[in-house]
Protein backbone atom coordinates (compact mmCIF):
# COMPACT_ATOMS: atom_id res chain seq x y z
CA MET A 1 39.33 -10.64 -0.99
CA ASN A 2 37.93 -12.28 2.12
CA TYR A 3 35.30 -10.81 4.42
CA LEU A 4 33.57 -11.42 7.72
CA ILE A 5 30.08 -9.97 8.02
CA ARG A 6 29.44 -9.36 11.70
CA GLN A 7 26.06 -9.99 13.35
CA ALA A 8 23.75 -9.50 10.39
CA THR A 9 20.10 -10.46 10.81
CA VAL A 10 19.17 -12.81 7.96
CA LEU A 11 16.12 -12.03 5.81
CA ASP A 12 16.01 -15.20 3.73
CA ALA A 13 13.08 -17.42 4.69
CA GLN A 14 14.88 -20.46 3.27
CA SER A 15 17.83 -20.03 5.63
CA SER A 16 18.13 -21.82 8.97
CA TRP A 17 19.28 -18.43 10.31
CA TYR A 18 16.09 -16.63 9.22
CA LEU A 19 15.40 -13.59 11.44
CA LYS A 20 18.49 -14.40 13.52
CA PRO A 21 21.78 -12.47 13.74
CA VAL A 22 24.77 -14.38 12.39
CA ASP A 23 28.40 -13.92 11.39
CA ILE A 24 29.05 -14.80 7.74
CA ARG A 25 32.49 -15.62 6.39
CA ILE A 26 32.99 -15.04 2.66
CA SER A 27 36.09 -16.27 0.86
CA GLN A 28 36.63 -15.58 -2.83
CA GLY A 29 32.94 -14.87 -3.32
CA ILE A 30 31.69 -18.03 -1.55
CA ILE A 31 29.90 -18.23 1.79
CA THR A 32 32.25 -20.58 3.65
CA GLU A 33 30.98 -20.36 7.22
CA MET A 34 28.02 -19.07 9.20
CA GLY A 35 27.84 -18.98 12.98
CA SER A 36 28.06 -16.97 16.17
CA ALA A 37 31.17 -15.09 17.32
CA LEU A 38 33.40 -16.25 14.45
CA ASP A 39 37.07 -15.27 14.71
CA LEU A 40 38.28 -12.53 12.37
CA HIS A 41 41.18 -13.84 10.29
CA ALA A 42 44.14 -11.63 9.43
CA SER A 43 43.27 -11.84 5.73
CA GLU A 44 39.67 -10.71 6.25
CA THR A 45 37.94 -7.34 6.21
CA GLU A 46 35.18 -6.98 8.79
CA ILE A 47 31.80 -5.56 7.76
CA ALA A 48 29.63 -4.27 10.60
CA SER A 49 26.93 -1.70 11.30
CA THR A 50 24.68 -0.67 14.17
CA ALA A 51 21.67 -2.66 12.94
CA LEU A 52 22.95 -4.78 10.08
CA TYR A 53 20.64 -6.92 7.95
CA VAL A 54 21.41 -9.22 5.04
CA SER A 55 19.17 -10.60 2.29
CA GLN A 56 19.60 -12.12 -1.12
CA GLY A 57 20.73 -9.51 -3.65
CA TRP A 58 17.84 -7.31 -4.67
CA MET A 59 16.18 -7.43 -8.09
CA ASP A 60 14.44 -4.51 -9.78
CA LEU A 61 11.82 -5.50 -12.34
CA GLN A 62 11.43 -2.04 -13.86
CA ALA A 63 14.25 0.27 -14.88
CA THR A 64 15.27 2.01 -18.08
CA GLY A 65 18.59 3.15 -19.51
CA GLY A 66 21.67 1.56 -20.99
CA TYR A 67 20.12 0.46 -24.26
CA GLN A 68 21.38 1.68 -27.61
CA GLY A 69 19.87 5.07 -28.33
CA SER A 70 19.55 6.19 -24.69
CA GLU A 71 23.20 6.27 -23.59
CA HIS A 72 23.10 10.06 -23.14
CA ARG A 73 20.53 9.55 -20.38
CA GLU A 74 22.13 6.47 -18.82
CA ASP A 75 24.83 4.15 -20.11
CA LEU A 76 25.55 0.66 -18.83
CA LYS A 77 28.40 1.82 -16.60
CA SER A 78 26.37 4.48 -14.82
CA LEU A 79 23.44 2.07 -14.62
CA GLU A 80 25.73 -0.47 -12.95
CA SER A 81 27.00 2.11 -10.45
CA ALA A 82 23.53 3.41 -9.52
CA SER A 83 22.17 -0.13 -9.19
CA LEU A 84 24.96 -1.28 -6.87
CA SER A 85 24.59 1.85 -4.77
CA GLY A 86 20.87 1.13 -4.43
CA GLY A 87 21.50 -2.48 -3.34
CA PHE A 88 20.56 -4.19 -6.60
CA THR A 89 22.44 -7.19 -7.97
CA ASP A 90 19.88 -7.70 -10.77
CA ILE A 91 17.85 -5.27 -12.87
CA CYS A 92 15.31 -5.82 -15.61
CA LEU A 93 15.54 -3.28 -18.39
CA HIS A 94 12.54 -2.01 -20.33
CA SER A 95 12.78 -0.56 -23.82
CA ALA A 96 11.59 2.97 -23.10
CA PHE A 97 13.46 4.64 -25.96
CA SER A 98 15.27 1.88 -27.84
CA PRO A 99 13.72 0.50 -31.05
CA TYR A 100 16.00 -2.54 -31.02
CA VAL A 101 14.40 -4.84 -28.46
CA TRP A 102 12.20 -6.47 -31.09
CA HIS A 103 14.77 -8.96 -32.29
CA ALA A 104 16.26 -12.15 -30.89
CA ALA A 105 19.70 -11.36 -32.31
CA TRP A 106 19.81 -8.02 -30.49
CA VAL A 107 18.62 -9.61 -27.23
CA ASN A 108 21.28 -12.30 -27.50
CA GLY A 109 23.96 -9.70 -28.15
CA PHE A 110 22.90 -7.59 -25.19
CA VAL A 111 22.84 -10.58 -22.85
CA ASN A 112 26.40 -11.47 -23.84
CA SER A 113 27.80 -7.92 -23.69
CA SER A 114 26.19 -7.14 -20.32
CA LYS A 115 27.97 -10.06 -18.66
CA ALA A 116 31.00 -7.78 -18.24
CA TYR A 117 29.15 -5.77 -15.58
CA ALA A 118 28.80 -6.55 -11.87
CA VAL A 119 25.03 -6.18 -12.03
CA ARG A 120 23.07 -8.83 -13.91
CA MET A 121 21.08 -6.98 -16.55
CA HIS A 122 18.02 -8.82 -17.82
CA PRO A 123 16.39 -7.48 -21.01
CA LEU A 124 12.63 -7.37 -21.40
CA GLY A 125 11.55 -7.95 -24.97
CA LYS A 126 9.11 -5.55 -26.50
CA ILE A 127 5.63 -6.89 -27.19
CA GLY A 128 5.25 -4.29 -29.91
CA THR A 129 2.33 -3.96 -32.26
CA ASP A 130 2.19 -2.52 -35.73
CA THR A 131 -0.74 -0.96 -37.55
CA SER A 132 -2.00 -4.39 -38.58
CA GLY A 133 -2.07 -5.61 -34.98
CA GLN A 134 0.89 -7.96 -35.34
CA PHE A 135 3.21 -8.36 -32.37
CA SER A 136 6.84 -9.39 -32.00
CA GLU A 137 8.30 -12.91 -32.03
CA MET A 138 8.31 -13.17 -28.27
CA ALA A 139 9.06 -16.90 -28.08
CA ASP A 140 12.21 -16.42 -30.17
CA MET A 141 13.41 -13.53 -28.01
CA TYR A 142 12.69 -15.56 -24.87
CA ALA A 143 14.85 -18.40 -26.18
CA HIS A 144 17.70 -15.92 -26.65
CA GLY A 145 17.58 -14.33 -23.20
CA ALA A 146 14.62 -12.00 -22.80
CA VAL A 147 13.15 -12.68 -19.36
CA ALA A 148 9.69 -11.19 -19.93
CA PHE A 149 7.73 -9.01 -22.36
CA SER A 150 6.37 -5.51 -22.01
CA ASN A 151 5.54 -2.38 -23.97
CA TYR A 152 6.91 -0.39 -21.03
CA LYS A 153 4.30 2.34 -20.50
CA THR A 154 2.49 2.12 -23.81
CA PRO A 155 -0.82 0.51 -22.86
CA ILE A 156 -2.53 -2.11 -25.01
CA THR A 157 -6.23 -1.43 -24.65
CA ASP A 158 -7.66 -3.15 -27.75
CA SER A 159 -9.47 -6.16 -26.27
CA GLY A 160 -8.99 -8.40 -29.28
CA LEU A 161 -5.27 -7.66 -29.45
CA LEU A 162 -4.88 -8.13 -25.70
CA HIS A 163 -6.65 -11.48 -25.95
CA ARG A 164 -4.31 -12.68 -28.72
CA ILE A 165 -1.17 -11.50 -26.91
CA MET A 166 -2.19 -13.08 -23.61
CA GLN A 167 -3.13 -16.33 -25.31
CA TYR A 168 0.22 -16.40 -27.16
CA ALA A 169 2.10 -15.75 -23.90
CA GLN A 170 0.13 -18.48 -22.15
CA ASN A 171 0.79 -21.01 -24.91
CA HIS A 172 4.55 -20.36 -24.75
CA ASP A 173 4.73 -19.88 -20.95
CA LEU A 174 6.07 -16.33 -21.32
CA PRO A 175 5.99 -13.77 -18.48
CA LEU A 176 3.84 -10.88 -19.65
CA PHE A 177 4.09 -7.43 -18.02
CA LEU A 178 1.28 -5.01 -18.81
CA PHE A 179 0.89 -1.31 -18.02
CA CYS A 180 -2.63 -0.14 -17.20
CA ASN A 181 -3.86 3.18 -18.51
CA ASP A 182 -6.91 3.88 -20.65
CA SER A 183 -5.47 6.72 -22.71
CA THR A 184 -8.92 7.82 -23.89
CA LEU A 185 -9.49 8.95 -20.30
CA SER A 186 -5.98 10.11 -19.44
CA HIS A 187 -4.95 11.84 -22.68
CA GLY A 188 -3.34 15.20 -21.99
CA GLY A 189 -3.31 14.65 -18.24
CA LEU A 190 -0.36 15.87 -16.20
CA MET A 191 -1.05 14.66 -12.65
CA HIS A 192 -3.65 12.81 -10.58
CA GLU A 193 -7.16 14.14 -11.08
CA GLY A 194 -8.32 15.41 -7.72
CA THR A 195 -8.32 18.37 -5.36
CA PHE A 196 -4.73 19.34 -6.06
CA SER A 197 -5.03 19.21 -9.86
CA THR A 198 -7.95 21.63 -9.53
CA ILE A 199 -6.01 23.94 -7.20
CA LEU A 200 -2.95 23.91 -9.46
CA GLY A 201 -4.94 24.28 -12.66
CA LEU A 202 -3.42 21.18 -14.24
CA ARG A 203 -5.32 18.67 -16.33
CA GLY A 204 -5.83 15.50 -14.33
CA ILE A 205 -5.33 11.80 -14.97
CA PRO A 206 -8.27 10.01 -13.34
CA ALA A 207 -7.70 6.87 -11.32
CA LEU A 208 -10.51 5.42 -13.43
CA ALA A 209 -8.13 5.30 -16.42
CA GLU A 210 -6.04 2.74 -14.57
CA GLU A 211 -8.90 0.92 -12.88
CA LEU A 212 -10.88 0.22 -16.06
CA HIS A 213 -7.79 -1.17 -17.79
CA VAL A 214 -7.01 -3.37 -14.78
CA GLN A 215 -10.58 -4.68 -14.96
CA GLN A 216 -10.25 -5.38 -18.69
CA ILE A 217 -6.99 -7.33 -18.26
CA LEU A 218 -8.33 -9.33 -15.33
CA LYS A 219 -11.45 -10.29 -17.30
CA ILE A 220 -9.39 -11.55 -20.24
CA ALA A 221 -6.98 -13.37 -17.92
CA GLN A 222 -9.95 -15.06 -16.26
CA GLU A 223 -11.39 -16.12 -19.60
CA LEU A 224 -8.06 -17.62 -20.72
CA ASN A 225 -6.98 -18.83 -17.29
CA ALA A 226 -3.79 -16.94 -18.13
CA ARG A 227 -0.94 -15.62 -16.02
CA VAL A 228 -0.33 -11.86 -16.13
CA HIS A 229 1.71 -9.27 -14.25
CA ILE A 230 0.44 -5.71 -13.94
CA GLN A 231 3.57 -3.58 -13.85
CA GLN A 232 2.54 -0.73 -11.59
CA ILE A 233 -0.60 0.17 -9.76
CA SER A 234 -1.26 3.50 -8.12
CA SER A 235 -4.95 3.39 -7.21
CA ALA A 236 -6.63 1.92 -4.14
CA GLN A 237 -9.46 0.60 -6.30
CA SER A 238 -7.02 -1.16 -8.64
CA LEU A 239 -5.65 -2.86 -5.55
CA VAL A 240 -9.13 -4.00 -4.51
CA GLN A 241 -9.70 -5.59 -7.92
CA ILE A 242 -6.38 -7.44 -7.84
CA ARG A 243 -6.93 -8.61 -4.27
CA GLU A 244 -10.31 -10.05 -5.26
CA ALA A 245 -8.85 -11.66 -8.40
CA LYS A 246 -6.14 -13.36 -6.36
CA ALA A 247 -8.70 -14.58 -3.83
CA SER A 248 -10.69 -16.15 -6.69
CA GLY A 249 -7.61 -18.09 -7.82
CA LEU A 250 -6.54 -15.95 -10.77
CA ASN A 251 -2.81 -16.11 -11.51
CA VAL A 252 -2.19 -12.37 -11.40
CA SER A 253 0.62 -10.38 -9.83
CA CYS A 254 1.36 -6.68 -9.59
CA GLY A 255 4.02 -4.18 -8.67
CA VAL A 256 4.30 -0.73 -7.17
CA SER A 257 7.01 1.87 -7.56
CA ALA A 258 8.77 2.72 -4.31
CA PHE A 259 8.03 6.42 -4.66
CA HIS A 260 4.28 5.75 -4.74
CA LEU A 261 4.69 4.47 -1.17
CA VAL A 262 5.93 7.84 0.08
CA SER A 263 4.86 10.73 -2.19
CA THR A 264 1.40 11.99 -3.13
CA ASP A 265 -0.22 14.55 -5.42
CA ALA A 266 0.02 17.07 -2.56
CA ASP A 267 3.78 17.18 -3.15
CA LEU A 268 3.30 18.75 -6.59
CA THR A 269 2.36 22.20 -5.31
CA GLU A 270 5.78 23.59 -6.31
CA PHE A 271 5.49 22.15 -9.85
CA ASN A 272 8.63 20.02 -9.46
CA THR A 273 8.84 18.28 -12.84
CA SER A 274 10.81 15.38 -11.33
CA LEU A 275 7.59 14.45 -9.51
CA LYS A 276 5.78 14.21 -12.84
CA VAL A 277 5.58 10.44 -13.20
CA MET A 278 3.37 7.84 -14.84
CA PRO A 279 1.24 6.52 -13.26
CA PRO A 280 0.87 9.81 -11.41
CA LEU A 281 1.32 10.29 -7.69
CA ARG A 282 -2.16 9.91 -6.29
CA SER A 283 -3.90 10.82 -3.03
CA SER A 284 -2.72 10.01 0.48
CA ASN A 285 -5.57 7.49 0.72
CA ASP A 286 -4.23 5.70 -2.35
CA ARG A 287 -0.69 5.75 -0.95
CA ASP A 288 -1.81 4.29 2.37
CA ALA A 289 -3.78 1.56 0.59
CA LEU A 290 -0.72 0.66 -1.49
CA ILE A 291 1.40 0.26 1.64
CA LEU A 292 -1.21 -2.07 3.15
CA GLY A 293 -1.39 -3.97 -0.14
CA LEU A 294 2.34 -4.55 0.00
CA LEU A 295 2.14 -5.74 3.60
CA ASP A 296 -0.72 -8.18 2.98
CA GLY A 297 0.90 -9.65 -0.14
CA THR A 298 -1.54 -8.29 -2.72
CA ILE A 299 1.35 -6.33 -4.21
CA ASP A 300 4.13 -8.74 -5.14
CA VAL A 301 7.06 -6.52 -6.04
CA VAL A 302 8.48 -3.06 -5.40
CA VAL A 303 10.21 -1.47 -8.40
CA SER A 304 12.44 1.56 -8.76
CA ASP A 305 10.76 2.73 -11.98
CA HIS A 306 14.13 4.34 -12.66
CA ALA A 307 13.67 6.65 -15.66
CA PRO A 308 16.72 8.83 -16.35
CA LEU A 309 15.97 11.92 -18.43
CA THR A 310 18.04 14.86 -19.62
CA SER A 311 17.71 18.42 -18.35
CA GLU A 312 16.24 19.35 -21.74
CA GLU A 313 13.45 16.86 -21.07
CA LYS A 314 12.87 17.90 -17.46
CA THR A 315 13.97 21.52 -16.91
CA VAL A 316 11.01 22.92 -18.83
CA GLU A 317 7.47 24.03 -18.09
CA PHE A 318 5.51 21.35 -16.23
CA ASP A 319 3.18 20.60 -19.12
CA GLN A 320 6.18 20.12 -21.47
CA ALA A 321 8.23 17.87 -19.17
CA GLU A 322 8.56 14.15 -19.81
CA PHE A 323 7.27 11.69 -17.21
CA GLY A 324 9.80 9.95 -14.95
CA MET A 325 12.43 10.19 -12.21
CA ILE A 326 15.70 8.49 -11.33
CA ASN A 327 15.20 6.24 -8.32
CA LEU A 328 17.58 3.26 -8.13
CA GLN A 329 19.55 4.73 -5.23
CA THR A 330 16.55 5.77 -3.14
CA VAL A 331 14.30 2.69 -3.21
CA PHE A 332 15.37 1.27 0.16
CA PRO A 333 14.78 4.40 2.27
CA GLN A 334 11.39 4.79 0.58
CA VAL A 335 10.52 1.23 1.64
CA VAL A 336 11.74 1.96 5.18
CA ASN A 337 9.60 5.11 5.29
CA ALA A 338 6.53 3.09 4.31
CA MET A 339 7.40 0.32 6.76
CA GLN A 340 7.71 2.72 9.69
CA ARG A 341 4.07 3.71 9.28
CA HIS A 342 2.98 0.24 10.41
CA PHE A 343 5.83 -1.44 12.31
CA LYS A 344 7.82 -0.52 15.38
CA SER A 345 10.11 -3.52 14.91
CA TYR A 346 12.56 -3.21 12.02
CA THR A 347 12.90 -6.98 11.77
CA GLU A 348 9.15 -7.56 11.56
CA GLY A 349 8.66 -4.81 8.99
CA LEU A 350 11.60 -5.81 6.81
CA ALA A 351 10.54 -9.46 6.90
CA ALA A 352 7.20 -8.37 5.43
CA MET A 353 8.62 -6.09 2.74
CA ILE A 354 12.02 -7.39 1.61
CA PRO A 355 10.60 -10.41 -0.35
CA ALA A 356 9.19 -7.80 -2.76
CA LEU A 357 12.83 -7.05 -3.66
CA THR A 358 14.30 -10.56 -3.47
CA THR A 359 12.32 -13.76 -4.02
CA ASN A 360 9.09 -12.42 -5.52
CA PRO A 361 10.56 -10.65 -8.57
CA ARG A 362 12.72 -13.66 -9.41
CA LYS A 363 9.72 -15.96 -9.16
CA LEU A 364 7.84 -13.85 -11.71
CA ILE A 365 10.56 -14.30 -14.34
CA HIS A 366 11.42 -17.92 -13.52
CA ILE A 367 14.84 -17.22 -11.98
CA LYS A 368 15.92 -19.19 -8.93
CA ALA A 369 16.66 -17.01 -5.91
CA PRO A 370 20.16 -17.29 -4.42
CA LEU A 371 20.53 -18.93 -1.01
CA ILE A 372 22.19 -17.58 2.12
CA GLN A 373 23.83 -20.86 3.04
CA GLU A 374 27.33 -22.24 3.41
CA GLN A 375 29.08 -23.22 0.16
CA GLN A 376 26.77 -20.98 -1.87
CA PRO A 377 27.97 -18.04 -4.00
CA ALA A 378 27.52 -14.75 -2.16
CA SER A 379 24.76 -12.79 -3.87
CA LEU A 380 23.86 -10.51 -0.99
CA THR A 381 22.62 -7.05 -0.11
CA LEU A 382 23.68 -5.60 3.26
CA PHE A 383 21.67 -2.75 4.74
CA ASP A 384 20.96 -0.84 7.94
CA PRO A 385 17.43 0.58 8.35
CA THR A 386 18.49 2.91 11.20
CA ILE A 387 21.08 5.07 9.43
CA GLN A 388 20.00 8.62 8.60
CA TRP A 389 21.57 10.28 5.58
CA THR A 390 20.85 13.10 3.18
CA TRP A 391 20.47 12.40 -0.53
CA THR A 392 22.45 15.02 -2.44
CA PRO A 393 23.72 15.34 -6.03
CA ASP A 394 27.16 14.31 -4.74
CA TYR A 395 25.80 10.81 -4.10
CA ASN A 396 24.05 10.55 -7.47
CA LEU A 397 25.74 7.99 -9.73
CA SER A 398 23.25 8.24 -12.59
CA LYS A 399 24.14 10.25 -15.69
CA SER A 400 20.81 12.04 -15.21
CA SER A 401 19.70 14.18 -12.28
CA ASN A 402 15.90 14.12 -12.40
CA SER A 403 15.35 13.22 -8.74
CA PRO A 404 12.80 15.19 -6.70
CA TYR A 405 14.38 14.02 -3.45
CA PHE A 406 17.70 15.89 -3.45
CA GLY A 407 18.08 17.49 -0.01
CA THR A 408 15.84 14.89 1.64
CA THR A 409 17.09 13.26 4.83
CA PHE A 410 16.27 9.56 4.59
CA THR A 411 16.35 6.73 7.10
CA GLY A 412 17.70 3.43 5.79
CA LYS A 413 21.00 2.90 3.99
CA VAL A 414 22.53 0.21 1.80
CA ILE A 415 25.90 -0.83 3.27
CA GLY A 416 27.18 -2.92 0.38
CA VAL A 417 26.55 -5.63 -2.18
CA PHE A 418 28.20 -8.98 -2.87
CA THR A 419 27.81 -10.10 -6.47
CA LYS A 420 29.80 -12.06 -9.04
CA GLY A 421 32.60 -12.80 -6.59
CA HIS A 422 33.22 -9.21 -5.49
CA TYR A 423 32.14 -6.87 -2.70
CA TRP A 424 30.92 -3.39 -3.58
CA PRO A 425 30.86 -1.18 -0.45
CA GLN A 426 28.71 1.93 -0.62
CA HIS A 427 29.31 5.46 0.61
CA THR A 428 29.61 5.73 4.36
CA ILE A 429 27.89 8.59 6.15
């Protein structure tokens, strides 16, 4: 199939058309021509929208599902569908429930089998530790296709073990993703510790649990001169520490989940278990600080933190519910919501935020970002930040339904995705 994208503003800083509207001709998955007022050929389908933007295909550094043992929550086909609908051409999969991501042979098998899907699925190897403090053969897994290493949301707080793991990763040049939570402070907590946890009578998770662990990791990274990525931050004070570490020259990066840019602990007053997430939704002051951290570059990436769970795991009393929500299809409108708090110009705001979905995540796992240039393969996400639409279960392509946002009217819609030689249009409103 051949396509002509009409008057899309380019959000690729490497392109000569950066921040300019352009027509893009795509033939058999290749960008063949870029220019103004291109003629529509009889064999082409035109793609247009009121305020159309185009960037490199988006990458999500933190999603779960699809691995062996969790197919009842999300299989690879539903994961592909939800990712494409959300604008993602690439997703990095964490081993939330699967015990298999310890071994190079399994990683190699997954890399090969996932090639059949339109979305590029990148496995993260499990750091893993046993009772003796031994960790997995990360270098071997990396050689067979793991793009980084993480224990998902199981924190590693033992300083000696952290030191050994970070030194090993540094010696082998391995991307290391760490989750920050001092479980001795957060154990048994259900939501952010603050005014609303007191009102609701729920045990709180103090921001200090995250902040102390961030401090510990940064100290060890400084001692080793090591590179480290902190998966998700939720606290304003964590952000301050990372900003200061970056200013001092430390090679540290961090991410934020898109829903932490829009929701707060105040939203939990109806005990919606789909809002029970880890790290927890914190105060409005924390949320506002996170948005500013994304805009000033302290926060490097925005992640979906897509965590599909069954009704048996979520439709229970709040204290019994598992942590997590599905979010692949709602990342972009959450980013637009955050952007609108600080920018009147869509172009200016998107230029500040979209790198957190395109070039920055690829840089962290040593993958070259695609180019929006003639004679390059089309790996593109098309989106319109002005479209209003309502997120309903009818749009949900995940096998799970643990979204707290059903019934929400969002602004910002993915129009379609070009990847692996094909165009995947999304639902029109």
